[in-house]
Protein backbone atom coordinates (compact mmCIF):
# COMPACT_ATOMS: atom_id res chain seq x y z
CA UNK A 1 112.51 83.29 109.87
CA UNK A 2 109.43 85.22 110.38
CA UNK A 3 105.83 85.91 108.36
CA UNK A 4 104.11 89.02 109.05
CA UNK A 5 101.64 91.92 108.10
CA UNK A 6 101.66 95.74 108.38
CA UNK A 7 98.23 97.05 107.92
CA UNK A 8 97.63 100.95 107.33
CA UNK A 9 93.95 101.72 107.68
CA UNK A 10 93.49 105.11 105.96
CA UNK A 11 90.62 107.57 106.43
CA UNK A 12 90.19 109.21 103.20
CA UNK A 13 88.34 111.33 103.99
CA UNK A 14 90.17 113.77 106.69
CA UNK A 15 93.47 111.98 104.85
CA UNK A 16 94.43 110.21 108.31
CA UNK A 17 96.00 107.56 108.82
CA UNK A 18 95.10 104.67 111.65
CA UNK A 19 98.34 103.79 114.13
CA UNK A 20 98.94 102.44 117.72
CA UNK A 21 101.68 103.34 120.02
CA UNK A 22 103.00 100.32 121.30
CA UNK A 23 103.22 100.88 125.19
CA UNK A 24 100.55 97.89 126.41
CA UNK A 25 102.37 94.67 126.56
CA UNK A 26 105.37 93.57 128.83
CA UNK A 27 108.39 93.12 127.24
CA UNK A 28 107.19 94.52 123.66
CA UNK A 29 110.08 95.12 121.07
CA UNK A 30 108.63 98.35 119.65
CA UNK A 31 107.25 99.86 123.25
CA UNK A 32 107.21 103.49 122.94
CA UNK A 33 106.87 103.38 119.23
CA UNK A 34 104.49 104.08 116.33
CA UNK A 35 103.39 100.82 114.45
CA UNK A 36 101.05 99.99 111.92
CA UNK A 37 98.54 97.59 112.84
CA UNK A 38 99.57 93.38 112.08
CA UNK A 39 101.55 91.23 113.20
CA UNK A 40 102.65 87.29 112.44
CA UNK A 41 100.89 84.79 111.05
CA UNK A 42 98.52 82.21 112.51
CA UNK A 43 99.33 78.47 110.85
CA UNK A 44 97.41 77.81 107.09
CA UNK A 45 96.52 82.11 106.76
CA UNK A 46 97.04 84.04 104.47
CA UNK A 47 98.95 87.60 103.53
CA UNK A 48 95.63 89.14 103.50
CA UNK A 49 93.68 86.29 105.87
CA UNK A 50 95.99 87.99 108.60
CA UNK A 51 96.24 91.48 107.69
CA UNK A 52 92.39 91.17 107.80
CA UNK A 53 92.63 89.19 111.41
CA UNK A 54 95.06 91.44 112.88
CA UNK A 55 92.88 94.82 111.93
CA UNK A 56 89.98 93.25 113.82
CA UNK A 57 91.62 91.60 116.83
CA UNK A 58 93.88 95.37 117.19
CA UNK A 59 91.19 98.15 116.59
CA UNK A 60 87.76 96.70 116.16
CA UNK A 61 87.80 97.31 113.06
CA UNK A 62 86.61 95.43 110.47
CA UNK A 63 88.25 95.73 106.11
CA UNK A 64 86.43 95.02 103.60
CA UNK A 65 89.01 95.37 100.89
CA UNK A 66 92.99 95.78 101.18
CA UNK A 67 95.68 96.96 99.03
CA UNK A 68 98.70 94.92 99.34
CA UNK A 69 101.69 98.15 98.84
CA UNK A 70 105.12 95.95 99.18
CA UNK A 71 106.69 93.39 100.97
CA UNK A 72 110.16 94.03 103.43
CA UNK A 73 113.30 91.74 104.63
CA UNK A 74 113.48 92.52 108.51
CA UNK A 75 117.17 90.43 108.30
CA UNK A 76 118.02 89.46 112.38
CA UNK A 77 115.46 92.72 113.26
CA UNK A 78 114.89 91.25 116.94
CA UNK A 79 118.31 89.50 116.90
CA UNK A 80 117.27 86.66 116.29
CA UNK A 81 114.91 85.98 113.10
CA UNK A 82 114.83 87.48 109.72
CA UNK A 83 110.95 89.02 109.07
CA UNK A 84 108.70 88.89 106.47
CA UNK A 85 106.43 91.25 106.04
CA UNK A 86 103.58 91.91 103.63
CA UNK A 87 102.05 95.90 104.10
CA UNK A 88 98.37 97.14 103.41
CA UNK A 89 96.33 99.56 103.13
CA UNK A 90 92.88 99.70 103.49
CA UNK A 91 90.28 102.54 103.36
CA UNK A 92 86.84 100.70 103.43
CA UNK A 93 86.02 99.38 106.60
CA UNK A 94 83.50 99.31 109.71
CA UNK A 95 82.75 98.87 112.68
CA UNK A 96 83.79 100.52 116.32
CA UNK A 97 86.33 101.30 117.18
CA UNK A 98 87.74 99.55 120.27
CA UNK A 99 90.25 100.17 123.34
CA UNK A 100 93.75 98.56 121.98
CA UNK A 101 95.55 95.61 123.76
CA UNK A 102 98.15 96.32 122.30
CA UNK A 103 98.81 100.13 123.01
CA UNK A 104 96.74 103.77 121.96
CA UNK A 105 95.14 104.25 118.88
CA UNK A 106 95.16 107.47 116.90
CA UNK A 107 94.56 108.75 113.78
CA UNK A 108 97.96 110.60 112.53
CA UNK A 109 97.38 113.37 109.56
CA UNK A 110 98.87 111.91 106.50
CA UNK A 111 101.42 114.75 106.06
CA UNK A 112 102.47 113.96 110.16
CA UNK A 113 103.22 110.38 109.54
CA UNK A 114 106.75 110.76 110.00
CA UNK A 115 107.20 112.66 112.23
CA UNK A 116 106.03 110.56 115.07
CA UNK A 117 108.17 108.47 116.89
CA UNK A 118 108.76 105.80 114.04
CA UNK A 119 111.31 103.05 113.98
CA UNK A 120 113.77 105.00 111.25
CA UNK A 121 113.28 102.22 108.29
CA UNK A 122 109.51 103.64 108.65
CA UNK A 123 109.66 107.26 107.79
CA UNK A 124 111.41 105.95 104.47
CA UNK A 125 109.07 103.03 103.61
CA UNK A 126 105.62 105.34 104.77
CA UNK A 127 105.72 107.95 101.69
CA UNK A 128 105.62 104.74 99.40
CA UNK A 129 102.22 103.93 100.59
CA UNK A 130 101.21 106.07 99.11
CA UNK A 131 102.58 105.82 95.59
CA UNK A 132 101.30 103.80 92.22
CA UNK A 133 103.85 101.50 92.35
CA UNK A 134 104.20 98.00 94.28
CA UNK A 135 107.48 97.87 96.42
CA UNK A 136 110.27 95.01 97.35
CA UNK A 137 112.75 96.41 100.01
CA UNK A 138 115.08 94.94 102.66
CA UNK A 139 116.03 97.13 105.84
CA UNK A 140 118.88 96.61 108.11
CA UNK A 141 119.20 97.04 111.72
CA UNK A 142 121.92 96.27 114.14
CA UNK A 143 120.52 95.64 117.79
CA UNK A 144 117.48 98.46 117.17
CA UNK A 145 120.03 100.78 115.04
CA UNK A 146 119.20 101.57 111.31
CA UNK A 147 121.42 100.61 108.89
CA UNK A 148 120.62 101.14 106.20
CA UNK A 149 117.61 99.96 102.75
CA UNK A 150 117.77 98.46 98.95
CA UNK A 151 114.37 98.75 97.22
CA UNK A 152 112.80 97.87 93.99
CA UNK A 153 109.36 99.65 92.88
CA UNK A 154 107.36 97.74 90.36
CA UNK A 155 104.14 99.33 88.34
CA UNK A 156 103.77 102.84 86.56
CA UNK A 157 106.51 104.88 85.95
């Protein structure tokens, strides 16, 4: 079992989201895909601590606050482990964007987010990040191929 975060840094003024094109790490399971920022928990970290650390490590930006948007289970996503992922957005940040060690960072217009080369499941859940509901979902993949998903929404109707 792996615990991880996925974080979407939002520029509300320009209606865009900071995404990373994964193209720098050797043997990266996400090679050639666009992703939000994030990664695995360090020992003893809370989901928020992990998200804040990962955003700074991957982008150089320091977020002042986060909003947890959802939780996704990816059974045997990489063929070895179940991944449990906390999803966050952040729109209050400071700092200077760096050249990320994991890939190319780019601000993608929000209305174009599902048009870039994402995992198929990401195209489904990314629009949920902009809703005022919390979600809990399960996305099934087999050998990198999207199979299906289920979801429950909580909060405002």
